[in-house]
Protein backbone atom coordinates (compact mmCIF):
# COMPACT_ATOMS: atom_id res chain seq x y z
CA UNK A 1 162.15 56.16 96.64
CA UNK A 2 161.97 52.47 96.04
CA UNK A 3 163.84 50.46 93.42
CA UNK A 4 161.84 48.33 90.99
CA UNK A 5 161.95 44.60 91.43
CA UNK A 6 162.79 42.26 88.54
CA UNK A 7 159.08 41.45 88.21
CA UNK A 8 158.16 45.11 87.76
CA UNK A 9 158.10 46.99 84.50
CA UNK A 10 159.15 50.61 84.54
CA UNK A 11 156.81 53.33 83.36
CA UNK A 12 158.63 56.60 82.59
CA UNK A 13 156.81 59.90 82.68
CA UNK A 14 157.29 63.63 82.58
CA UNK A 15 155.73 66.35 84.66
CA UNK A 16 155.54 69.35 82.34
CA UNK A 17 154.96 72.42 84.49
CA UNK A 18 154.12 75.91 83.31
CA UNK A 19 154.98 79.31 84.83
CA UNK A 20 151.80 79.22 86.96
CA UNK A 21 152.93 75.87 88.46
CA UNK A 22 150.19 73.99 86.60
CA UNK A 23 150.73 70.45 85.36
CA UNK A 24 150.16 69.29 81.80
CA UNK A 25 147.60 66.48 81.73
CA UNK A 26 146.47 64.28 78.85
CA UNK A 27 142.89 62.99 78.63
CA UNK A 28 142.93 59.19 78.43
CA UNK A 29 140.77 58.23 75.44
CA UNK A 30 137.56 56.41 76.33
CA UNK A 31 137.73 57.28 80.03
CA UNK A 32 136.75 60.14 82.28
CA UNK A 33 140.32 60.43 83.58
CA UNK A 34 143.42 62.45 82.86
CA UNK A 35 147.04 61.41 83.27
CA UNK A 36 150.59 62.62 82.81
CA UNK A 37 152.41 61.59 79.63
CA UNK A 38 154.05 58.29 80.54
CA UNK A 39 154.58 54.76 79.35
CA UNK A 40 156.67 51.65 79.55
CA UNK A 41 160.43 51.71 79.05
CA UNK A 42 161.48 49.74 75.97
CA UNK A 43 164.44 47.33 76.01
CA UNK A 44 167.71 49.18 75.52
CA UNK A 45 166.22 52.58 76.36
CA UNK A 46 167.49 54.73 79.19
CA UNK A 47 164.92 56.08 81.61
CA UNK A 48 165.30 59.55 80.10
CA UNK A 49 164.96 58.24 76.54
CA UNK A 50 161.75 56.45 77.51
CA UNK A 51 160.30 59.56 79.19
CA UNK A 52 161.23 61.73 76.19
CA UNK A 53 159.72 59.21 73.74
CA UNK A 54 156.49 58.91 75.70
CA UNK A 55 156.16 62.70 75.93
CA UNK A 56 156.70 63.01 72.17
CA UNK A 57 154.31 60.13 71.33
CA UNK A 58 151.50 61.27 73.62
CA UNK A 59 151.71 65.05 73.12
CA UNK A 60 154.05 65.81 70.22
CA UNK A 61 156.25 67.83 72.61
CA UNK A 62 160.01 67.66 72.26
CA UNK A 63 162.35 69.29 74.79
CA UNK A 64 166.14 69.11 74.85
CA UNK A 65 167.42 66.32 77.15
CA UNK A 66 169.14 68.82 79.46
CA UNK A 67 165.74 70.34 80.31
CA UNK A 68 164.59 67.12 81.97
CA UNK A 69 165.19 67.12 85.72
CA UNK A 70 165.11 63.66 87.23
CA UNK A 71 162.62 63.29 90.07
CA UNK A 72 163.32 59.57 90.41
CA UNK A 73 161.43 56.39 90.99
CA UNK A 74 158.26 56.38 93.03
CA UNK A 75 156.20 53.48 94.28
CA UNK A 76 153.30 53.05 91.88
CA UNK A 77 151.83 49.58 91.48
CA UNK A 78 152.84 46.09 92.50
CA UNK A 79 153.65 45.25 88.86
CA UNK A 80 154.96 48.65 87.74
CA UNK A 81 157.45 51.21 89.02
CA UNK A 82 157.09 54.84 87.98
CA UNK A 83 160.20 56.86 87.12
CA UNK A 84 159.54 60.57 86.74
CA UNK A 85 161.20 63.60 85.23
CA UNK A 86 160.14 67.23 85.25
CA UNK A 87 160.36 69.90 82.56
CA UNK A 88 159.70 73.53 83.38
CA UNK A 89 157.95 74.91 80.30
CA UNK A 90 157.54 78.41 81.70
CA UNK A 91 155.43 80.48 79.30
CA UNK A 92 156.46 78.45 76.23
CA UNK A 93 153.06 76.77 75.89
CA UNK A 94 150.41 79.53 76.13
CA UNK A 95 148.03 77.26 74.22
CA UNK A 96 147.88 73.49 73.91
CA UNK A 97 145.99 73.50 70.60
CA UNK A 98 149.01 72.19 68.69
CA UNK A 99 149.48 69.10 70.87
CA UNK A 100 148.60 65.78 69.28
CA UNK A 101 148.92 62.15 70.27
CA UNK A 102 150.95 59.97 67.89
CA UNK A 103 150.48 56.73 69.88
CA UNK A 104 147.56 54.46 69.00
CA UNK A 105 145.87 51.29 70.24
CA UNK A 106 143.18 49.15 68.54
CA UNK A 107 139.70 50.31 69.60
CA UNK A 108 138.07 47.62 71.79
CA UNK A 109 134.95 47.45 69.57
CA UNK A 110 135.95 48.51 66.07
CA UNK A 111 139.63 47.56 66.10
CA UNK A 112 140.42 50.90 64.44
CA UNK A 113 143.60 52.72 65.53
CA UNK A 114 142.63 55.03 68.38
CA UNK A 115 144.89 57.66 69.97
CA UNK A 116 145.90 56.92 73.56
CA UNK A 117 145.10 60.52 74.52
CA UNK A 118 142.47 62.80 72.99
CA UNK A 119 142.80 66.06 74.90
CA UNK A 120 145.23 68.24 76.82
CA UNK A 121 144.92 70.74 79.64
CA UNK A 122 146.82 72.56 82.35
CA UNK A 123 145.77 71.57 85.87
CA UNK A 124 146.36 73.07 89.28
CA UNK A 125 147.23 70.71 92.14
CA UNK A 126 143.58 70.62 93.23
CA UNK A 127 142.40 69.91 89.68
CA UNK A 128 145.00 67.16 89.16
CA UNK A 129 143.93 65.52 92.42
CA UNK A 130 140.35 65.41 91.15
CA UNK A 131 140.97 64.57 87.47
CA UNK A 132 143.55 61.77 87.70
CA UNK A 133 143.03 58.19 88.81
CA UNK A 134 143.32 57.98 92.62
CA UNK A 135 146.69 56.17 92.64
CA UNK A 136 148.26 58.70 90.25
CA UNK A 137 146.67 61.63 92.08
CA UNK A 138 148.13 60.38 95.35
CA UNK A 139 151.61 60.13 93.82
CA UNK A 140 151.36 63.57 92.22
CA UNK A 141 150.18 65.21 95.43
CA UNK A 142 153.20 63.78 97.28
CA UNK A 143 155.59 65.56 94.87
CA UNK A 144 156.67 69.18 94.61
CA UNK A 145 155.85 70.68 91.24
């Protein structure tokens, strides 16, 4: 694992894994791709606080801090490091119908607030490799989950 440089921002994310070893993915609004819940660390936030906030904002999920297992920092992009945690959800989430994104951005055409994510699914390793952007898929495939 590589440390972030001063020029890099840090994106914190959580791998939520169910009892069947599937990964929770969020559909990225306006794209054909899926991603893990993640986002940039805010000033004054710990890595865990940032990962927990991003998970809550993008899915509505809240887990106790002690359930987050630190995976660590992985090389991601030249301008951004990726620091990951994992939560084993077991059979706690038999359906994802209750998940909702609380994080919005202005729509590129209308300017209206638009949720960052607009769908949720469980994905096997093979599905995640196909559904995520290539760089993220490569990082996910290199990890045990």
